Protein backbone atom coordinates (compact mmCIF):
# COMPACT_ATOMS: atom_id res chain seq x y z
CA MET A 1 61.16 -11.11 159.88
CA ARG A 2 59.22 -9.67 156.95
CA ALA A 3 60.00 -6.87 154.52
CA VAL A 4 58.79 -5.40 151.24
CA ILE A 5 60.78 -3.18 148.92
CA ALA A 6 60.39 -1.26 145.68
CA LEU A 7 62.94 -2.99 143.44
CA SER A 8 63.66 -0.61 140.58
CA GLY A 9 66.47 -2.66 139.09
CA GLY A 10 68.94 0.08 140.01
CA MET A 11 71.96 -0.37 142.25
CA ASP A 12 70.42 1.20 145.38
CA SER A 13 67.33 -0.98 145.70
CA THR A 14 69.29 -4.05 144.59
CA ALA A 15 71.89 -3.47 147.31
CA LEU A 16 69.06 -3.04 149.81
CA LEU A 17 67.50 -6.34 148.76
CA ILE A 18 70.82 -8.12 149.32
CA ARG A 19 71.24 -6.46 152.73
CA LEU A 20 67.77 -7.58 153.83
CA LEU A 21 68.45 -11.15 152.75
CA ALA A 22 71.77 -11.10 154.60
CA ASP A 23 69.95 -9.90 157.72
CA GLY A 24 67.51 -12.81 157.53
CA TYR A 25 64.40 -11.13 156.14
CA LYS A 26 61.82 -12.80 153.94
CA VAL A 27 61.42 -10.20 151.18
CA SER A 28 58.69 -9.39 148.67
CA CYS A 29 59.44 -6.92 145.86
CA LEU A 30 57.40 -4.66 143.64
CA SER A 31 58.83 -3.16 140.46
CA TYR A 32 57.04 -0.46 138.48
CA GLU A 33 56.55 0.00 134.76
CA TYR A 34 55.57 3.66 134.54
CA GLY A 35 56.51 4.60 131.00
CA GLN A 36 60.15 5.22 131.86
CA LYS A 37 62.59 5.41 128.97
CA HIS A 38 65.03 3.22 130.88
CA ASN A 39 62.63 0.35 131.50
CA ILE A 40 65.50 -2.05 130.81
CA GLU A 41 65.86 -1.74 134.59
CA LEU A 42 62.88 -4.11 134.91
CA GLU A 43 64.67 -6.74 132.83
CA ARG A 44 67.75 -6.35 135.03
CA ALA A 45 65.68 -6.68 138.21
CA THR A 46 64.14 -9.90 136.90
CA LYS A 47 67.62 -11.28 136.12
CA ASN A 48 68.77 -10.64 139.68
CA ILE A 49 65.67 -12.28 141.13
CA LEU A 50 66.41 -15.34 138.97
CA TYR A 51 70.07 -15.33 140.07
CA LEU A 52 69.05 -15.18 143.72
CA CYS A 53 66.50 -17.96 143.27
CA GLN A 54 69.16 -20.13 141.64
CA ASN A 55 71.23 -19.62 144.76
CA GLY A 56 68.49 -20.67 147.12
CA TYR A 57 66.82 -17.35 147.96
CA GLN A 58 63.10 -17.43 147.18
CA ILE A 59 61.72 -13.91 146.62
CA GLU A 60 58.27 -12.85 145.55
CA HIS A 61 58.60 -10.32 142.71
CA ARG A 62 55.77 -8.57 140.91
CA ILE A 63 55.82 -5.87 138.24
CA VAL A 64 53.05 -3.29 138.61
CA ASN A 65 52.04 -1.55 135.38
CA LEU A 66 51.37 2.16 135.90
CA GLU A 67 52.19 3.25 132.36
CA SER A 68 48.66 4.32 131.45
CA ALA A 69 48.50 6.60 134.49
CA MET A 70 52.03 7.95 134.83
CA GLY A 71 52.65 8.07 131.10
CA VAL A 72 50.73 11.35 131.05
CA PHE A 73 53.17 12.99 133.48
CA HIS A 74 55.74 15.55 132.32
CA SER A 75 59.35 14.41 132.83
CA ALA A 76 62.47 13.80 130.79
CA LEU A 77 62.37 10.24 132.15
CA ILE A 78 58.99 9.48 130.61
CA LYS A 79 58.70 8.30 127.01
CA GLY A 80 57.93 11.31 124.82
CA GLY A 81 59.63 13.73 127.22
CA GLU A 82 62.62 15.93 126.42
CA ASP A 83 66.12 14.51 126.10
CA ILE A 84 67.88 13.31 129.24
CA PRO A 85 70.33 16.04 130.35
CA GLU A 86 74.03 15.34 130.81
CA GLY A 87 76.24 16.56 133.62
CA HIS A 88 76.55 16.29 137.40
CA TYR A 89 73.57 15.14 139.46
CA GLU A 90 73.34 18.41 141.37
CA GLU A 91 73.21 20.69 138.34
CA GLU A 92 69.99 22.66 137.77
CA GLN A 93 69.08 20.94 134.49
CA MET A 94 68.81 17.60 136.29
CA LYS A 95 65.46 18.74 137.69
CA THR A 96 63.93 17.76 134.34
CA THR A 97 64.42 14.13 135.44
CA VAL A 98 61.97 14.56 138.32
CA VAL A 99 58.78 12.56 137.80
CA PRO A 100 55.95 14.42 139.60
CA ASN A 101 54.80 12.65 142.76
CA ARG A 102 56.53 9.41 141.73
CA ASN A 103 57.70 8.24 145.14
CA ALA A 104 54.39 9.12 146.77
CA ILE A 105 52.61 6.91 144.23
CA PHE A 106 55.12 4.08 144.57
CA SER A 107 55.09 4.27 148.37
CA SER A 108 51.29 4.29 148.52
CA ILE A 109 51.07 1.08 146.52
CA LEU A 110 53.89 -0.44 148.53
CA TYR A 111 52.16 0.46 151.79
CA GLY A 112 48.95 -1.20 150.69
CA TYR A 113 50.95 -4.27 149.67
CA ALA A 114 52.81 -4.36 152.99
CA LEU A 115 49.63 -3.97 155.03
CA SER A 116 47.96 -6.74 153.05
CA ILE A 117 50.89 -9.07 153.79
CA ALA A 118 50.81 -8.05 157.45
CA LEU A 119 47.11 -8.94 157.74
CA ARG A 120 47.34 -12.11 155.67
CA GLU A 121 50.40 -13.47 157.50
CA ASN A 122 49.61 -11.93 160.92
CA THR A 123 53.02 -10.31 161.17
CA ARG A 124 54.74 -6.93 161.27
CA VAL A 125 56.13 -5.77 157.93
CA MET A 126 58.93 -3.32 157.22
CA ILE A 127 58.84 -1.18 154.07
CA ALA A 128 62.51 -0.75 153.15
CA LEU A 129 63.55 1.91 150.64
CA GLY A 130 66.96 2.61 149.13
CA VAL A 131 66.73 6.42 149.04
CA HIS A 132 69.96 8.18 149.98
CA SER A 133 71.46 11.63 150.54
CA GLY A 134 72.78 11.90 146.99
CA ASP A 135 69.18 12.22 145.80
CA HIS A 136 68.17 14.99 148.20
CA ALA A 137 69.31 18.01 146.18
CA ILE A 138 67.26 17.24 143.06
CA TYR A 139 64.50 14.92 144.26
CA PRO A 140 62.40 16.36 147.12
CA ASP A 141 60.54 13.06 147.38
CA CYS A 142 63.76 11.38 148.53
CA ARG A 143 64.18 13.55 151.63
CA PRO A 144 63.60 12.22 155.16
CA GLU A 145 60.92 14.78 156.00
CA PHE A 146 58.90 13.60 152.99
CA TYR A 147 58.85 10.02 154.24
CA GLN A 148 58.13 11.10 157.80
CA SER A 149 55.06 13.00 156.58
CA LEU A 150 54.03 10.17 154.25
CA GLU A 151 54.28 7.54 156.97
CA HIS A 152 52.19 9.72 159.30
CA ALA A 153 49.49 10.13 156.64
CA PHE A 154 49.40 6.40 155.93
CA LYS A 155 49.11 5.58 159.63
CA VAL A 156 46.22 8.01 160.02
CA GLY A 157 44.48 6.63 156.94
CA ASN A 158 44.65 2.90 157.64
CA TRP A 159 43.44 0.45 160.26
CA ASP A 160 46.15 -1.86 161.64
CA SER A 161 48.85 0.59 160.56
CA GLU A 162 50.86 -0.30 163.67
CA LYS A 163 51.83 -3.46 161.78
CA VAL A 164 53.78 -1.50 159.11
CA GLU A 165 56.78 0.82 159.36
CA PHE A 166 59.23 2.51 157.00
CA HIS A 167 62.93 1.73 157.05
CA LEU A 168 65.41 4.01 155.22
CA PRO A 169 68.87 2.60 156.03
CA TYR A 170 70.78 4.70 153.48
CA ILE A 171 69.01 8.03 154.03
CA ASP A 172 72.15 9.69 155.47
CA GLY A 173 74.56 7.84 153.17
CA ASP A 174 75.43 7.95 149.48
CA LYS A 175 76.16 5.50 146.68
CA ILE A 176 79.61 4.79 148.14
CA THR A 177 77.97 3.86 151.45
CA ILE A 178 75.56 1.61 149.58
CA LEU A 179 78.24 -0.22 147.60
CA ARG A 180 80.36 -0.85 150.68
CA ASP A 181 77.36 -2.23 152.53
CA ALA A 182 76.51 -4.38 149.52
CA GLU A 183 80.03 -5.85 149.47
CA GLN A 184 79.60 -7.05 153.05
CA ALA A 185 76.11 -8.44 152.47
CA ILE A 186 77.10 -10.21 149.24
CA ASN A 187 80.09 -11.84 150.94
CA LYS A 188 77.88 -12.99 153.81
CA LEU A 189 75.48 -14.65 151.34
CA GLY A 190 78.26 -16.19 149.25
CA LEU A 191 77.14 -14.42 146.07
CA ASP A 192 79.11 -12.77 143.28
CA PHE A 193 79.44 -8.97 143.44
CA ASN A 194 79.94 -8.48 139.70
CA THR A 195 76.97 -10.65 138.76
CA ILE A 196 74.68 -8.75 141.13
CA PHE A 197 75.65 -5.32 139.84
CA ARG A 198 75.92 -6.37 136.20
CA ASN A 199 72.22 -7.14 136.57
CA THR A 200 71.38 -3.52 137.44
CA ASN A 201 70.76 -0.34 135.49
CA THR A 202 71.34 3.21 136.72
CA SER A 203 71.45 5.06 133.41
CA TYR A 204 68.48 7.18 132.37
CA ASN A 205 69.44 6.94 128.70
CA PRO A 206 70.83 3.49 127.84
CA ASP A 207 71.19 2.69 124.14
CA SER A 208 69.25 0.01 122.25
CA ASP A 209 71.73 -2.62 123.48
CA GLY A 210 71.23 -1.57 127.10
CA ARG A 211 74.62 0.11 127.39
CA SER A 212 74.89 3.20 129.58
CA SER A 213 76.16 6.45 128.11
CA GLY A 214 78.23 7.30 131.16
CA LYS A 215 77.23 10.95 130.81
CA SER A 216 73.91 11.39 132.60
CA GLY A 217 73.97 12.54 136.20
CA ALA A 218 72.90 9.10 137.41
CA ASP A 219 75.73 7.46 135.44
CA ILE A 220 78.36 9.82 136.79
CA GLU A 221 77.31 9.31 140.40
CA ARG A 222 77.46 5.53 139.92
CA ILE A 223 80.84 5.57 138.16
CA LEU A 224 82.40 7.70 140.90
CA ALA A 225 81.02 5.37 143.58
CA PHE A 226 82.59 2.28 142.00
CA HIS A 227 85.85 4.17 141.60
CA ALA A 228 85.75 5.17 145.28
CA ILE A 229 85.65 1.52 146.38
CA ASP A 230 88.40 0.56 143.89
CA ARG A 231 86.18 -1.50 141.63
CA LYS A 232 85.41 -1.40 137.93
CA ASP A 233 81.68 -1.19 137.26
CA PRO A 234 80.65 -4.56 135.71
CA ILE A 235 77.91 -3.08 133.48
CA LYS A 236 78.61 -2.19 129.85
CA TYR A 237 79.09 1.43 128.86
CA VAL A 238 79.14 2.86 125.35
CA ASP A 239 82.83 3.67 125.94
CA GLU A 240 85.54 1.77 127.80
CA TRP A 241 85.65 2.03 131.59
CA GLN A 242 88.69 4.30 131.67
CA VAL A 243 86.99 6.74 129.27
CA VAL A 244 83.76 7.02 131.27
CA LEU A 245 85.72 7.22 134.52
CA GLU A 246 87.88 10.09 133.28
CA HIS A 247 84.78 11.92 132.09
CA ALA A 248 83.04 11.46 135.45
CA ILE A 249 86.08 12.72 137.36
CA LYS A 250 86.31 15.74 135.08
CA VAL A 251 82.64 16.61 135.60
CA GLU A 252 83.03 16.29 139.37
CA GLU A 253 86.09 18.55 139.37
CA GLU A 254 84.26 21.16 137.30
CA MET A 255 81.43 21.16 139.82
CA LYS A 256 83.88 21.93 142.62
CA THR A 257 85.38 24.98 140.87
């Protein structure tokens, strides 16, 4: 069984990689350097690939440099853009973290990569993506109808497209769903949960030492997910775990009122 994924270095795509390995897939990964402020995620992705290789899982991993193209886009996530907003993921100001057409660009490259593998290896290839329901409110390019339309366009525009299909296993779930699935997959592979997720980055505004602020929308969503499964997040935050957890809970409660 063959699969390709976009490995950002975040917790969602990392969990998906582990799930695919646990299900017996041979996986190839693309990561993207697109001028993102939080490109420490690429370093974290590389660390996890090394960890997996050391444990007997051979994974092709390539970093595609799109900085010269996407660096001209307007987004708070791009170097030179406005400051990363703080608060809950579903608040209006979080729309500044949208990168125009990002997932269409990433998926197009990934599709070409998958189709090339399919032709070269004479096999069917699954494009697996870690998008989930928590992204739907702010990021329109994480919604199921977007990927349905994209897959249709790619099938129309390519010969041999019957060899490639999209797979979105978390599309109706959230980060809690993803972490619980990752726990099962990690146990099946005999790997260490904390090592895997220590080698990830979710923060949009980590400091120079790679520590997460705990205050961006992405941070808060991650913190609450770890709390929901009764685990302490193994990554380093600027403040102690209890401090960032209390802040995340407070923000969530304020959103509900």
